Amino acid sequence: MLGVYCRERRLFSWETAVHKMTGMPAAKLGIAARGLVKTGYAADLALFDPKTVRDEATFPEPHRHPVGIPYVVVNGQVVVDGPRYHAVPAGRVLTR
């Protein structure tokens, strides 16, 4: 979404793309306190570089990590810190 549709094809603004991947699905699925950066909401954040972000996954290799996303925070816990992945049990299954 970000690398291809925002940067390369310019079909969406960065803000629209982020909303389509965060706040919009959380609202449509009725998942409370998710999808926005707001007081009282879960601290789920991904820091990305608009110049380099791109998906590296392919059908033969679906678990390849993306490029250009140096930090990921799940429920307030850092799970990706540059090249390091921290296998902390920060996430959980979300239901309505």
PDB file of N, CA and C in Angstrom:
ATOM      1  N   MET A   1       0.836  -1.192   0.000  1.00  0.00           N
ATOM      2  CA  MET A   1       0.000   0.000   0.000  1.00  0.00           C
ATOM      3  C   MET A   1       0.880   1.254   0.000  1.00  0.00           C
ATOM      4  N   LEU A   2       1.795   1.349   0.962  1.00  0.00           N
ATOM      5  CA  LEU A   2       2.557   2.593   1.108  1.00  0.00           C
ATOM      6  C   LEU A   2       3.546   2.812  -0.027  1.00  0.00           C
ATOM      7  N   GLY A   3       4.399   1.810  -0.275  1.00  0.00           N
ATOM      8  CA  GLY A   3       5.420   1.978  -1.303  1.00  0.00           C
ATOM      9  C   GLY A   3       4.844   2.096  -2.698  1.00  0.00           C
ATOM     10  N   VAL A   4       3.930   1.199  -3.040  1.00  0.00           N
ATOM     11  CA  VAL A   4       3.396   1.166  -4.404  1.00  0.00           C
ATOM     12  C   VAL A   4       2.337   2.240  -4.627  1.00  0.00           C
ATOM     13  N   TYR A   5       1.278   2.252  -3.800  1.00  0.00           N
ATOM     14  CA  TYR A   5       0.134   3.121  -4.080  1.00  0.00           C
ATOM     15  C   TYR A   5       0.308   4.565  -3.640  1.00  0.00           C
ATOM     16  N   CYS A   6       1.154   4.806  -2.657  1.00  0.00           N
ATOM     17  CA  CYS A   6       1.396   6.200  -2.233  1.00  0.00           C
ATOM     18  C   CYS A   6       2.593   6.799  -2.955  1.00  0.00           C
ATOM     19  N   ARG A   7       3.759   6.168  -2.760  1.00  0.00           N
ATOM     20  CA  ARG A   7       4.977   6.754  -3.303  1.00  0.00           C
ATOM     21  C   ARG A   7       5.079   6.603  -4.807  1.00  0.00           C
ATOM     22  N   GLU A   8       4.878   5.388  -5.331  1.00  0.00           N
ATOM     23  CA  GLU A   8       5.118   5.153  -6.755  1.00  0.00           C
ATOM     24  C   GLU A   8       3.967   5.591  -7.654  1.00  0.00           C
ATOM     25  N   ARG A   9       2.770   5.138  -7.354  1.00  0.00           N
ATOM     26  CA  ARG A   9       1.625   5.451  -8.231  1.00  0.00           C
ATOM     27  C   ARG A   9       0.893   6.720  -7.837  1.00  0.00           C
ATOM     28  N   ARG A  10       1.117   7.203  -6.630  1.00  0.00           N
ATOM     29  CA  ARG A  10       0.491   8.420  -6.111  1.00  0.00           C
ATOM     30  C   ARG A  10      -1.042   8.387  -6.190  1.00  0.00           C
ATOM     31  N   LEU A  11      -1.597   7.208  -5.866  1.00  0.00           N
ATOM     32  CA  LEU A  11      -3.053   7.056  -5.879  1.00  0.00           C
ATOM     33  C   LEU A  11      -3.691   7.549  -4.585  1.00  0.00           C
ATOM     34  N   PHE A  12      -2.932   7.510  -3.486  1.00  0.00           N
ATOM     35  CA  PHE A  12      -3.425   7.948  -2.181  1.00  0.00           C
ATOM     36  C   PHE A  12      -2.415   8.881  -1.553  1.00  0.00           C
ATOM     37  N   SER A  13      -2.908   9.777  -0.718  1.00  0.00           N
ATOM     38  CA  SER A  13      -1.986  10.549   0.124  1.00  0.00           C
ATOM     39  C   SER A  13      -1.508   9.607   1.224  1.00  0.00           C
ATOM     40  N   TRP A  14      -0.421   9.959   1.882  1.00  0.00           N
ATOM     41  CA  TRP A  14       0.086   9.147   3.000  1.00  0.00           C
ATOM     42  C   TRP A  14      -0.963   9.059   4.108  1.00  0.00           C
ATOM     43  N   GLU A  15      -1.615  10.178   4.366  1.00  0.00           N
ATOM     44  CA  GLU A  15      -2.625  10.212   5.428  1.00  0.00           C
ATOM     45  C   GLU A  15      -3.795   9.275   5.114  1.00  0.00           C
ATOM     46  N   THR A  16      -4.249   9.289   3.865  1.00  0.00           N
ATOM     47  CA  THR A  16      -5.351   8.417   3.465  1.00  0.00           C
ATOM     48  C   THR A  16      -4.949   6.949   3.575  1.00  0.00           C
ATOM     49  N   ALA A  17      -3.762   6.622   3.122  1.00  0.00           N
ATOM     50  CA  ALA A  17      -3.295   5.235   3.184  1.00  0.00           C
ATOM     51  C   ALA A  17      -3.204   4.746   4.624  1.00  0.00           C
ATOM     52  N   VAL A  18      -2.637   5.561   5.502  1.00  0.00           N
ATOM     53  CA  VAL A  18      -2.527   5.164   6.911  1.00  0.00           C
ATOM     54  C   VAL A  18      -3.919   4.981   7.507  1.00  0.00           C
ATOM     55  N   HIS A  19      -4.838   5.881   7.198  1.00  0.00           N
ATOM     56  CA  HIS A  19      -6.208   5.753   7.700  1.00  0.00           C
ATOM     57  C   HIS A  19      -6.869   4.471   7.197  1.00  0.00           C
ATOM     58  N   LYS A  20      -6.651   4.125   5.925  1.00  0.00           N
ATOM     59  CA  LYS A  20      -7.240   2.911   5.353  1.00  0.00           C
ATOM     60  C   LYS A  20      -6.692   1.644   6.018  1.00  0.00           C
ATOM     61  N   MET A  21      -5.506   1.728   6.610  1.00  0.00           N
ATOM     62  CA  MET A  21      -4.897   0.556   7.243  1.00  0.00           C
ATOM     63  C   MET A  21      -5.067   0.546   8.759  1.00  0.00           C
ATOM     64  N   THR A  22      -5.599   1.611   9.345  1.00  0.00           N
ATOM     65  CA  THR A  22      -5.658   1.705  10.807  1.00  0.00           C
ATOM     66  C   THR A  22      -7.059   2.073  11.303  1.00  0.00           C
ATOM     67  N   GLY A  23      -7.363   3.347  11.308  1.00  0.00           N
ATOM     68  CA  GLY A  23      -8.625   3.830  11.856  1.00  0.00           C
ATOM     69  C   GLY A  23      -9.858   3.319  11.147  1.00  0.00           C
ATOM     70  N   MET A  24      -9.834   3.251   9.831  1.00  0.00           N
ATOM     71  CA  MET A  24     -11.000   2.799   9.075  1.00  0.00           C
ATOM     72  C   MET A  24     -11.361   1.345   9.386  1.00  0.00           C
ATOM     73  N   PRO A  25     -10.414   0.385   9.294  1.00  0.00           N
ATOM     74  CA  PRO A  25     -10.805  -0.989   9.612  1.00  0.00           C
ATOM     75  C   PRO A  25     -11.202  -1.177  11.074  1.00  0.00           C
ATOM     76  N   ALA A  26     -10.543  -0.476  11.993  1.00  0.00           N
ATOM     77  CA  ALA A  26     -10.914  -0.589  13.411  1.00  0.00           C
ATOM     78  C   ALA A  26     -12.354  -0.120  13.618  1.00  0.00           C
ATOM     79  N   ALA A  27     -12.719   0.976  12.976  1.00  0.00           N
ATOM     80  CA  ALA A  27     -14.087   1.502  13.102  1.00  0.00           C
ATOM     81  C   ALA A  27     -15.099   0.557  12.454  1.00  0.00           C
ATOM     82  N   LYS A  28     -14.802   0.078  11.239  1.00  0.00           N
ATOM     83  CA  LYS A  28     -15.730  -0.807  10.535  1.00  0.00           C
ATOM     84  C   LYS A  28     -15.933  -2.130  11.263  1.00  0.00           C
ATOM     85  N   LEU A  29     -14.883  -2.616  11.911  1.00  0.00           N
ATOM     86  CA  LEU A  29     -14.982  -3.881  12.634  1.00  0.00           C
ATOM     87  C   LEU A  29     -15.478  -3.703  14.066  1.00  0.00           C
ATOM     88  N   GLY A  30     -15.656  -2.465  14.480  1.00  0.00           N
ATOM     89  CA  GLY A  30     -16.154  -2.193  15.829  1.00  0.00           C
ATOM     90  C   GLY A  30     -15.155  -2.512  16.919  1.00  0.00           C
ATOM     91  N   ILE A  31     -13.871  -2.384  16.612  1.00  0.00           N
ATOM     92  CA  ILE A  31     -12.829  -2.660  17.593  1.00  0.00           C
ATOM     93  C   ILE A  31     -12.545  -1.372  18.359  1.00  0.00           C
ATOM     94  N   ALA A  32     -12.902  -1.366  19.627  1.00  0.00           N
ATOM     95  CA  ALA A  32     -12.791  -0.166  20.451  1.00  0.00           C
ATOM     96  C   ALA A  32     -11.336   0.117  20.828  1.00  0.00           C
ATOM     97  N   ALA A  33     -11.026   1.404  20.970  1.00  0.00           N
ATOM     98  CA  ALA A  33      -9.736   1.899  21.459  1.00  0.00           C
ATOM     99  C   ALA A  33      -8.558   1.424  20.606  1.00  0.00           C
ATOM    100  N   ARG A  34      -8.764   1.328  19.302  1.00  0.00           N
ATOM    101  CA  ARG A  34      -7.697   0.940  18.369  1.00  0.00           C
ATOM    102  C   ARG A  34      -7.791   1.785  17.108  1.00  0.00           C
ATOM    103  N   GLY A  35      -6.686   1.888  16.404  1.00  0.00           N
ATOM    104  CA  GLY A  35      -6.693   2.494  15.086  1.00  0.00           C
ATOM    105  C   GLY A  35      -6.402   3.980  15.032  1.00  0.00           C
ATOM    106  N   LEU A  36      -6.337   4.635  16.186  1.00  0.00           N
ATOM    107  CA  LEU A  36      -6.029   6.063  16.223  1.00  0.00           C
ATOM    108  C   LEU A  36      -4.983   6.327  17.292  1.00  0.00           C
ATOM    109  N   VAL A  37      -4.243   7.419  17.119  1.00  0.00           N
ATOM    110  CA  VAL A  37      -3.334   7.873  18.161  1.00  0.00           C
ATOM    111  C   VAL A  37      -4.137   8.839  19.009  1.00  0.00           C
ATOM    112  N   LYS A  38      -4.581   8.337  20.153  1.00  0.00           N
ATOM    113  CA  LYS A  38      -5.512   9.090  20.974  1.00  0.00           C
ATOM    114  C   LYS A  38      -5.366   8.637  22.430  1.00  0.00           C
ATOM    115  N   THR A  39      -5.521   9.552  23.367  1.00  0.00           N
ATOM    116  CA  THR A  39      -5.446   9.220  24.784  1.00  0.00           C
ATOM    117  C   THR A  39      -6.451   8.123  25.121  1.00  0.00           C
ATOM    118  N   GLY A  40      -5.978   7.097  25.840  1.00  0.00           N
ATOM    119  CA  GLY A  40      -6.828   5.983  26.233  1.00  0.00           C
ATOM    120  C   GLY A  40      -6.867   4.845  25.233  1.00  0.00           C
ATOM    121  N   TYR A  41      -6.306   5.042  24.048  1.00  0.00           N
ATOM    122  CA  TYR A  41      -6.263   4.001  23.032  1.00  0.00           C
ATOM    123  C   TYR A  41      -4.980   3.188  23.183  1.00  0.00           C
ATOM    124  N   ALA A  42      -4.975   1.965  22.665  1.00  0.00           N
ATOM    125  CA  ALA A  42      -3.775   1.125  22.694  1.00  0.00           C
ATOM    126  C   ALA A  42      -2.673   1.810  21.888  1.00  0.00           C
ATOM    127  N   ALA A  43      -1.461   1.737  22.399  1.00  0.00           N
ATOM    128  CA  ALA A  43      -0.320   2.342  21.716  1.00  0.00           C
ATOM    129  C   ALA A  43       0.223   1.350  20.689  1.00  0.00           C
ATOM    130  N   ASP A  44      -0.439   1.278  19.536  1.00  0.00           N
ATOM    131  CA  ASP A  44      -0.001   0.458  18.409  1.00  0.00           C
ATOM    132  C   ASP A  44       0.517   1.421  17.353  1.00  0.00           C
ATOM    133  N   LEU A  45       1.822   1.427  17.152  1.00  0.00           N
ATOM    134  CA  LEU A  45       2.434   2.399  16.259  1.00  0.00           C
ATOM    135  C   LEU A  45       3.475   1.738  15.367  1.00  0.00           C
ATOM    136  N   ALA A  46       3.599   2.216  14.147  1.00  0.00           N
ATOM    137  CA  ALA A  46       4.658   1.780  13.242  1.00  0.00           C
ATOM    138  C   ALA A  46       5.275   3.034  12.636  1.00  0.00           C
ATOM    139  N   LEU A  47       6.564   3.189  12.821  1.00  0.00           N
ATOM    140  CA  LEU A  47       7.288   4.321  12.251  1.00  0.00           C
ATOM    141  C   LEU A  47       7.867   3.868  10.915  1.00  0.00           C
ATOM    142  N   PHE A  48       7.544   4.589   9.844  1.00  0.00           N
ATOM    143  CA  PHE A  48       8.058   4.197   8.534  1.00  0.00           C
ATOM    144  C   PHE A  48       8.694   5.384   7.830  1.00  0.00           C
ATOM    145  N   ASP A  49       9.602   5.071   6.916  1.00  0.00           N
ATOM    146  CA  ASP A  49      10.279   6.068   6.098  1.00  0.00           C
ATOM    147  C   ASP A  49       9.580   6.104   4.742  1.00  0.00           C
ATOM    148  N   PRO A  50       8.885   7.196   4.409  1.00  0.00           N
ATOM    149  CA  PRO A  50       8.157   7.263   3.135  1.00  0.00           C
ATOM    150  C   PRO A  50       9.043   7.088   1.901  1.00  0.00           C
ATOM    151  N   LYS A  51      10.331   7.374   2.034  1.00  0.00           N
ATOM    152  CA  LYS A  51      11.238   7.252   0.882  1.00  0.00           C
ATOM    153  C   LYS A  51      11.642   5.806   0.602  1.00  0.00           C
ATOM    154  N   THR A  52      11.606   4.939   1.628  1.00  0.00           N
ATOM    155  CA  THR A  52      12.120   3.583   1.433  1.00  0.00           C
ATOM    156  C   THR A  52      11.130   2.470   1.748  1.00  0.00           C
ATOM    157  N   VAL A  53       9.997   2.758   2.357  1.00  0.00           N
ATOM    158  CA  VAL A  53       9.074   1.700   2.770  1.00  0.00           C
ATOM    159  C   VAL A  53       8.599   0.891   1.571  1.00  0.00           C
ATOM    160  N   ARG A  54       8.674  -0.434   1.707  1.00  0.00           N
ATOM    161  CA  ARG A  54       8.175  -1.311   0.651  1.00  0.00           C
ATOM    162  C   ARG A  54       8.012  -2.721   1.209  1.00  0.00           C
ATOM    163  N   ASP A  55       7.075  -3.429   0.630  1.00  0.00           N
ATOM    164  CA  ASP A  55       6.799  -4.810   1.005  1.00  0.00           C
ATOM    165  C   ASP A  55       7.800  -5.709   0.299  1.00  0.00           C
ATOM    166  N   GLU A  56       8.377  -6.634   1.021  1.00  0.00           N
ATOM    167  CA  GLU A  56       9.331  -7.575   0.440  1.00  0.00           C
ATOM    168  C   GLU A  56       8.735  -8.975   0.302  1.00  0.00           C
ATOM    169  N   ALA A  57       7.530  -9.192   0.833  1.00  0.00           N
ATOM    170  CA  ALA A  57       6.922 -10.522   0.794  1.00  0.00           C
ATOM    171  C   ALA A  57       6.531 -10.892  -0.633  1.00  0.00           C
ATOM    172  N   THR A  58       6.676 -12.178  -0.925  1.00  0.00           N
ATOM    173  CA  THR A  58       6.273 -12.721  -2.219  1.00  0.00           C
ATOM    174  C   THR A  58       5.445 -13.976  -1.950  1.00  0.00           C
ATOM    175  N   PHE A  59       4.809 -14.519  -2.959  1.00  0.00           N
ATOM    176  CA  PHE A  59       4.063 -15.757  -2.757  1.00  0.00           C
ATOM    177  C   PHE A  59       4.988 -16.892  -2.323  1.00  0.00           C
ATOM    178  N   PRO A  60       6.164 -17.058  -2.951  1.00  0.00           N
ATOM    179  CA  PRO A  60       7.048 -18.130  -2.484  1.00  0.00           C
ATOM    180  C   PRO A  60       7.650 -17.854  -1.097  1.00  0.00           C
ATOM    181  N   GLU A  61       7.835 -16.567  -0.751  1.00  0.00           N
ATOM    182  CA  GLU A  61       8.420 -16.187   0.539  1.00  0.00           C
ATOM    183  C   GLU A  61       7.519 -15.159   1.239  1.00  0.00           C
ATOM    184  N   PRO A  62       6.381 -15.598   1.791  1.00  0.00           N
ATOM    185  CA  PRO A  62       5.410 -14.667   2.366  1.00  0.00           C
ATOM    186  C   PRO A  62       5.819 -14.046   3.697  1.00  0.00           C
ATOM    187  N   HIS A  63       6.851 -14.555   4.346  1.00  0.00           N
ATOM    188  CA  HIS A  63       7.236 -14.052   5.667  1.00  0.00           C
ATOM    189  C   HIS A  63       8.442 -13.119   5.639  1.00  0.00           C
ATOM    190  N   ARG A  64       8.777 -12.597   4.482  1.00  0.00           N
ATOM    191  CA  ARG A  64       9.884 -11.635   4.393  1.00  0.00           C
ATOM    192  C   ARG A  64       9.435 -10.318   5.012  1.00  0.00           C
ATOM    193  N   HIS A  65      10.313  -9.721   5.780  1.00  0.00           N
ATOM    194  CA  HIS A  65       9.988  -8.475   6.464  1.00  0.00           C
ATOM    195  C   HIS A  65      10.031  -7.286   5.506  1.00  0.00           C
ATOM    196  N   PRO A  66       9.199  -6.285   5.735  1.00  0.00           N
ATOM    197  CA  PRO A  66       9.223  -5.092   4.882  1.00  0.00           C
ATOM    198  C   PRO A  66      10.479  -4.264   5.139  1.00  0.00           C
ATOM    199  N   VAL A  67      10.786  -3.414   4.209  1.00  0.00           N
ATOM    200  CA  VAL A  67      11.905  -2.482   4.314  1.00  0.00           C
ATOM    201  C   VAL A  67      11.340  -1.119   4.665  1.00  0.00           C
ATOM    202  N   GLY A  68      12.076  -0.322   5.431  1.00  0.00           N
ATOM    203  CA  GLY A  68      11.661   1.050   5.713  1.00  0.00           C
ATOM    204  C   GLY A  68      10.732   1.209   6.897  1.00  0.00           C
ATOM    205  N   ILE A  69      10.618   0.178   7.742  1.00  0.00           N
ATOM    206  CA  ILE A  69       9.809   0.268   8.961  1.00  0.00           C
ATOM    207  C   ILE A  69      10.727  -0.095  10.128  1.00  0.00           C
ATOM    208  N   PRO A  70      11.472   0.883  10.649  1.00  0.00           N
ATOM    209  CA  PRO A  70      12.477   0.576  11.671  1.00  0.00           C
ATOM    210  C   PRO A  70      11.929   0.335  13.079  1.00  0.00           C
ATOM    211  N   TYR A  71      10.749   0.830  13.386  1.00  0.00           N
ATOM    212  CA  TYR A  71      10.218   0.676  14.739  1.00  0.00           C
ATOM    213  C   TYR A  71       8.735   0.315  14.702  1.00  0.00           C
ATOM    214  N   VAL A  72       8.373  -0.663  15.536  1.00  0.00           N
ATOM    215  CA  VAL A  72       6.977  -1.055  15.696  1.00  0.00           C
ATOM    216  C   VAL A  72       6.702  -1.203  17.186  1.00  0.00           C
ATOM    217  N   VAL A  73       5.604  -0.589  17.641  1.00  0.00           N
ATOM    218  CA  VAL A  73       5.183  -0.655  19.035  1.00  0.00           C
ATOM    219  C   VAL A  73       3.802  -1.294  19.071  1.00  0.00           C
ATOM    220  N   VAL A  74       3.639  -2.334  19.905  1.00  0.00           N
ATOM    221  CA  VAL A  74       2.357  -3.013  20.054  1.00  0.00           C
ATOM    222  C   VAL A  74       1.957  -2.933  21.521  1.00  0.00           C
ATOM    223  N   ASN A  75       0.796  -2.355  21.769  1.00  0.00           N
ATOM    224  CA  ASN A  75       0.314  -2.180  23.151  1.00  0.00           C
ATOM    225  C   ASN A  75       1.358  -1.492  24.034  1.00  0.00           C
ATOM    226  N   GLY A  76       2.068  -0.544  23.471  1.00  0.00           N
ATOM    227  CA  GLY A  76       3.053   0.212  24.239  1.00  0.00           C
ATOM    228  C   GLY A  76       4.391  -0.476  24.409  1.00  0.00           C
ATOM    229  N   GLN A  77       4.574  -1.655  23.838  1.00  0.00           N
ATOM    230  CA  GLN A  77       5.841  -2.374  23.946  1.00  0.00           C
ATOM    231  C   GLN A  77       6.540  -2.403  22.589  1.00  0.00           C
ATOM    232  N   VAL A  78       7.817  -2.055  22.598  1.00  0.00           N
ATOM    233  CA  VAL A  78       8.589  -2.061  21.355  1.00  0.00           C
ATOM    234  C   VAL A  78       8.843  -3.501  20.942  1.00  0.00           C
ATOM    235  N   VAL A  79       8.391  -3.856  19.734  1.00  0.00           N
ATOM    236  CA  VAL A  79       8.613  -5.208  19.230  1.00  0.00           C
ATOM    237  C   VAL A  79       9.614  -5.237  18.075  1.00  0.00           C
ATOM    238  N   VAL A  80       9.749  -4.142  17.362  1.00  0.00           N
ATOM    239  CA  VAL A  80      10.798  -4.006  16.345  1.00  0.00           C
ATOM    240  C   VAL A  80      11.558  -2.733  16.681  1.00  0.00           C
ATOM    241  N   ASP A  81      12.855  -2.893  16.897  1.00  0.00           N
ATOM    242  CA  ASP A  81      13.733  -1.781  17.277  1.00  0.00           C
ATOM    243  C   ASP A  81      14.920  -1.798  16.328  1.00  0.00           C
ATOM    244  N   GLY A  82      14.758  -1.160  15.174  1.00  0.00           N
ATOM    245  CA  GLY A  82      15.794  -1.215  14.151  1.00  0.00           C
ATOM    246  C   GLY A  82      15.933  -2.643  13.653  1.00  0.00           C
ATOM    247  N   PRO A  83      17.132  -3.198  13.711  1.00  0.00           N
ATOM    248  CA  PRO A  83      17.325  -4.570  13.224  1.00  0.00           C
ATOM    249  C   PRO A  83      16.891  -5.646  14.222  1.00  0.00           C
ATOM    250  N   ARG A  84      16.536  -5.234  15.435  1.00  0.00           N
ATOM    251  CA  ARG A  84      16.200  -6.217  16.477  1.00  0.00           C
ATOM    252  C   ARG A  84      14.696  -6.429  16.594  1.00  0.00           C
ATOM    253  N   TYR A  85      14.317  -7.703  16.664  1.00  0.00           N
ATOM    254  CA  TYR A  85      12.934  -8.087  16.917  1.00  0.00           C
ATOM    255  C   TYR A  85      12.861  -8.597  18.348  1.00  0.00           C
ATOM    256  N   HIS A  86      11.930  -8.069  19.125  1.00  0.00           N
ATOM    257  CA  HIS A  86      11.744  -8.491  20.505  1.00  0.00           C
ATOM    258  C   HIS A  86      10.475  -9.338  20.574  1.00  0.00           C
ATOM    259  N   ALA A  87      10.637 -10.598  20.895  1.00  0.00           N
ATOM    260  CA  ALA A  87       9.496 -11.519  20.949  1.00  0.00           C
ATOM    261  C   ALA A  87       8.772 -11.377  22.292  1.00  0.00           C
ATOM    262  N   VAL A  88       8.228 -10.204  22.535  1.00  0.00           N
ATOM    263  CA  VAL A  88       7.465  -9.975  23.756  1.00  0.00           C
ATOM    264  C   VAL A  88       5.994 -10.269  23.475  1.00  0.00           C
ATOM    265  N   PRO A  89       5.280 -10.814  24.434  1.00  0.00           N
ATOM    266  CA  PRO A  89       3.859 -11.119  24.206  1.00  0.00           C
ATOM    267  C   PRO A  89       2.985  -9.865  24.324  1.00  0.00           C
ATOM    268  N   ALA A  90       3.179  -8.931  23.388  1.00  0.00           N
ATOM    269  CA  ALA A  90       2.470  -7.647  23.455  1.00  0.00           C
ATOM    270  C   ALA A  90       1.098  -7.694  22.804  1.00  0.00           C
ATOM    271  N   GLY A  91       0.951  -8.499  21.775  1.00  0.00           N
ATOM    272  CA  GLY A  91      -0.300  -8.538  21.035  1.00  0.00           C
ATOM    273  C   GLY A  91      -1.293  -9.528  21.610  1.00  0.00           C
ATOM    274  N   ARG A  92      -2.512  -9.427  21.106  1.00  0.00           N
ATOM    275  CA  ARG A  92      -3.552 -10.372  21.488  1.00  0.00           C
ATOM    276  C   ARG A  92      -4.589 -10.394  20.372  1.00  0.00           C
ATOM    277  N   VAL A  93      -5.415 -11.417  20.352  1.00  0.00           N
ATOM    278  CA  VAL A  93      -6.479 -11.523  19.355  1.00  0.00           C
ATOM    279  C   VAL A  93      -7.546 -10.479  19.697  1.00  0.00           C
ATOM    280  N   LEU A  94      -7.951  -9.708  18.704  1.00  0.00           N
ATOM    281  CA  LEU A  94      -8.959  -8.680  18.914  1.00  0.00           C
ATOM    282  C   LEU A  94     -10.316  -9.168  18.425  1.00  0.00           C
ATOM    283  N   THR A  95     -11.324  -8.917  19.227  1.00  0.00           N
ATOM    284  CA  THR A  95     -12.698  -9.256  18.859  1.00  0.00           C
ATOM    285  C   THR A  95     -13.570  -8.037  19.067  1.00  0.00           C
ATOM    286  N   ARG A  96     -14.771  -8.078  18.530  1.00  0.00           N
ATOM    287  CA  ARG A  96     -15.689  -6.954  18.694  1.00  0.00           C
ATOM    288  C   ARG A  96     -16.128  -6.818  20.119  1.00  0.00           C
TER     289      ARG A  96
END
